[in-house]
Amino acid sequence: MIAARLTFQGKDAGTLGRAIGPDNLPEMDMKAEGEHLKFEFSVQKIGTMLATLDDLLMNLKIAEETLVCGEER
């Protein structure tokens, strides 16, 4: 079993968490606490971990870009 614990910090942590929530794995625990967005999950294979991290980071990037774009309008 390979486990990960990630924390992202930013003023829009809760909004970003709600935006990407539907894409999370069923066994992924996500919590927004103030300006922190925390993830905990575990997988069986390192390849699955890498793919999950890649998906998570890409989803956060897209959600953040969308949020910034909406603020500029």
Protein backbone atom coordinates (compact mmCIF):
# COMPACT_ATOMS: atom_id res chain seq x y z
CA MET A 1 0.00 0.00 0.00
CA ILE A 2 1.28 3.46 -0.93
CA ALA A 3 -0.21 6.46 0.90
CA ALA A 4 -0.14 10.17 0.14
CA ARG A 5 -1.03 13.24 2.16
CA LEU A 6 -1.10 16.56 0.31
CA THR A 7 -1.92 20.07 1.48
CA PHE A 8 -2.51 23.00 -0.84
CA GLN A 9 -2.76 26.53 0.48
CA GLY A 10 -4.63 29.45 -1.03
CA LYS A 11 -7.49 31.83 -0.40
CA ASP A 12 -9.87 29.86 -2.64
CA ALA A 13 -9.15 26.40 -1.20
CA GLY A 14 -12.78 25.60 -0.44
CA THR A 15 -14.00 26.70 -3.86
CA LEU A 16 -11.34 24.65 -5.63
CA GLY A 17 -12.18 21.63 -3.48
CA ARG A 18 -15.86 21.84 -4.41
CA ALA A 19 -14.95 22.22 -8.08
CA ILE A 20 -12.83 19.07 -8.27
CA GLY A 21 -14.69 16.97 -5.69
CA PRO A 22 -16.70 14.93 -8.23
CA ASP A 23 -13.44 13.72 -9.85
CA ASN A 24 -11.93 12.35 -6.64
CA LEU A 25 -11.46 8.64 -6.06
CA PRO A 26 -14.02 7.06 -3.72
CA GLU A 27 -11.26 6.27 -1.19
CA MET A 28 -9.79 9.82 -1.37
CA ASP A 29 -10.41 11.96 1.69
CA MET A 30 -10.54 15.70 0.95
CA LYS A 31 -11.05 18.49 3.49
CA ALA A 32 -11.07 22.23 3.03
CA GLU A 33 -10.04 24.01 6.24
CA GLY A 34 -9.73 27.77 5.90
CA GLU A 35 -7.06 28.43 3.30
CA HIS A 36 -5.92 24.79 3.20
CA LEU A 37 -7.15 22.00 0.95
CA LYS A 38 -6.04 18.61 2.25
CA PHE A 39 -6.05 15.24 0.51
CA GLU A 40 -5.31 11.77 1.86
CA PHE A 41 -5.47 8.58 -0.17
CA SER A 42 -3.75 5.28 -0.72
CA VAL A 43 -3.27 3.01 -3.73
CA GLN A 44 -1.73 -0.37 -4.43
CA LYS A 45 0.71 0.52 -7.23
CA ILE A 46 3.17 3.36 -7.81
CA GLY A 47 1.83 3.83 -11.35
CA THR A 48 -1.64 4.40 -9.94
CA MET A 49 -0.21 6.93 -7.47
CA LEU A 50 1.53 8.85 -10.25
CA ALA A 51 -1.59 8.87 -12.43
CA THR A 52 -3.75 9.99 -9.49
CA LEU A 53 -1.37 12.82 -8.58
CA ASP A 54 -1.20 13.92 -12.20
CA ASP A 55 -5.00 13.98 -12.47
CA LEU A 56 -5.37 15.81 -9.17
CA LEU A 57 -2.83 18.49 -10.08
CA MET A 58 -4.31 19.00 -13.55
CA ASN A 59 -7.83 19.28 -12.13
CA LEU A 60 -6.66 21.85 -9.57
CA LYS A 61 -4.86 23.82 -12.28
CA ILE A 62 -7.94 23.92 -14.51
CA ALA A 63 -10.23 24.84 -11.61
CA GLU A 64 -7.89 27.64 -10.52
CA GLU A 65 -7.59 29.00 -14.08
CA THR A 66 -11.38 28.96 -14.42
CA LEU A 67 -11.78 30.78 -11.12
CA VAL A 68 -9.23 33.45 -12.10
CA CYS A 69 -10.89 33.87 -15.51
CA GLY A 70 -14.28 34.40 -13.83
CA GLU A 71 -12.81 36.98 -11.45
CA GLU A 72 -11.36 38.97 -14.35
CA ARG A 73 -14.77 39.42 -15.96
